[in-house]
Every structure is written in structure tokens, then in C-alpha cells.
Amino acid sequence: MLSYSVISIKGELKTEAMAKPQIVVRMPPSLMEKLNSYVEKIGTSKTDVVVSAIATYLGSAESMPLSQRMAELERRMAALEAKEKVETN
């Protein structure tokens, strides 16, 4: 029998008029472990990671949380800097 972890993604409730929808996601424990490790490494929330992944998958990058966009830019910058070092050596 397969085992799954359940996470609840809750929107920030600033006012009732601005409430974001909420979903529950079931995922294999191994994927949950990867998510937990990534969140800890990057310093962001599970919600931001999941929203970013869905936005990317659906081709809706403008919906990505700012923290995820910044993390992606930092990752790209580090890759470019590493490539430049290799080319200059």
C-alpha cells in the first residue's frame, strides 16, 4: 500500500474580500522530504514553492511569488558566474 503525506496550502487571509483559495495536496513521502529540504535551504514557504511550481507548469510566471522569482534569478546568476569562471580559466 502506498503511503502519502498531506500538506495543506493556505492563502494569506488579509480580509474576507481578499481571501485566497485553499487546497490540500497528497504527495509521496519522498517528494515531501524534497520539498521540506528545498524550503529549508531556500528559506521560503511551502506555499510559495507549490504556487511557483504550478505557475511555471501552466506557463503563468507572473503568478509566481516574488520570493520564488528572486530565488530563480539568484540561481541563474550563480550559474552564469560559474560559467564565466570556467571560460576565463
Protein backbone atom coordinates (compact mmCIF):
# COMPACT_ATOMS: atom_id res chain seq x y z
CA MET A 1 0.00 0.00 0.00
CA LEU A 2 1.31 3.45 -0.91
CA SER A 3 1.88 5.99 1.82
CA TYR A 4 1.32 9.70 1.22
CA SER A 5 1.97 12.87 3.17
CA VAL A 6 -0.70 15.54 3.20
CA ILE A 7 0.05 19.25 3.22
CA SER A 8 -2.49 21.98 3.38
CA ILE A 9 -1.81 25.11 1.34
CA LYS A 10 -3.49 28.09 2.96
CA GLY A 11 -3.72 31.55 1.44
CA GLU A 12 -2.96 34.64 3.46
CA LEU A 13 -6.28 35.89 4.79
CA LYS A 14 -5.95 39.68 4.92
CA THR A 15 -9.67 40.37 4.55
CA GLU A 16 -12.56 38.19 3.50
CA ALA A 17 -12.75 40.02 0.17
CA MET A 18 -9.05 39.30 -0.49
CA ALA A 19 -9.04 35.66 0.70
CA LYS A 20 -7.09 33.24 -1.48
CA PRO A 21 -8.48 29.79 -2.25
CA GLN A 22 -7.07 26.89 -0.28
CA ILE A 23 -6.26 23.33 -1.41
CA VAL A 24 -4.99 20.12 0.16
CA VAL A 25 -2.33 18.12 -1.69
CA ARG A 26 -1.37 14.48 -1.18
CA MET A 27 2.16 13.50 -2.17
CA PRO A 28 4.57 10.62 -1.66
CA PRO A 29 6.77 10.96 1.45
CA SER A 30 9.91 11.14 -0.70
CA LEU A 31 8.59 14.20 -2.54
CA MET A 32 7.54 15.77 0.75
CA GLU A 33 11.10 15.28 2.06
CA LYS A 34 12.49 17.01 -1.03
CA LEU A 35 10.03 19.86 -0.58
CA ASN A 36 10.97 20.25 3.09
CA SER A 37 14.69 20.25 2.25
CA TYR A 38 14.23 22.81 -0.51
CA VAL A 39 12.14 25.12 1.68
CA GLU A 40 14.74 24.93 4.43
CA LYS A 41 17.63 25.56 2.00
CA ILE A 42 15.99 28.49 0.19
CA GLY A 43 14.23 29.99 3.21
CA THR A 44 10.79 30.26 1.67
CA SER A 45 7.40 28.71 2.37
CA LYS A 46 5.88 25.50 1.02
CA THR A 47 3.04 27.61 -0.33
CA ASP A 48 5.43 29.77 -2.37
CA VAL A 49 7.19 26.70 -3.78
CA VAL A 50 3.95 24.94 -4.74
CA VAL A 51 2.39 28.09 -6.24
CA SER A 52 5.60 28.74 -8.18
CA ALA A 53 5.75 25.17 -9.49
CA ILE A 54 2.13 25.27 -10.63
CA ALA A 55 2.57 28.73 -12.21
CA THR A 56 5.68 27.54 -14.07
CA TYR A 57 3.98 24.33 -15.20
CA LEU A 58 0.98 26.29 -16.50
CA GLY A 59 3.13 28.96 -18.17
CA SER A 60 1.94 31.67 -15.82
CA ALA A 61 5.23 33.01 -14.43
CA GLU A 62 3.70 36.36 -13.47
CA SER A 63 1.74 34.46 -10.80
CA MET A 64 4.93 33.26 -9.13
CA PRO A 65 5.56 34.62 -5.63
CA LEU A 66 8.24 37.31 -5.52
CA SER A 67 10.48 35.20 -3.26
CA GLN A 68 10.47 32.39 -5.82
CA ARG A 69 11.23 34.77 -8.68
CA MET A 70 14.16 36.14 -6.69
CA ALA A 71 15.42 32.62 -5.89
CA GLU A 72 15.26 31.74 -9.60
CA LEU A 73 17.17 34.90 -10.56
CA GLU A 74 19.83 34.13 -7.92
CA ARG A 75 20.15 30.56 -9.25
CA ARG A 76 20.57 31.82 -12.82
CA MET A 77 23.09 34.46 -11.72
CA ALA A 78 25.18 31.85 -9.88
CA ALA A 79 25.13 29.61 -12.97
CA LEU A 80 26.30 32.49 -15.18
CA GLU A 81 29.06 33.41 -12.72
CA ALA A 82 30.23 29.80 -12.59
CA LYS A 83 30.21 29.59 -16.40
CA GLU A 84 32.22 32.83 -16.65
CA LYS A 85 34.84 31.47 -14.20
CA VAL A 86 35.25 28.30 -16.26
CA GLU A 87 35.60 30.27 -19.51
CA THR A 88 38.21 32.66 -18.10
CA ASN A 89 40.39 29.89 -16.63
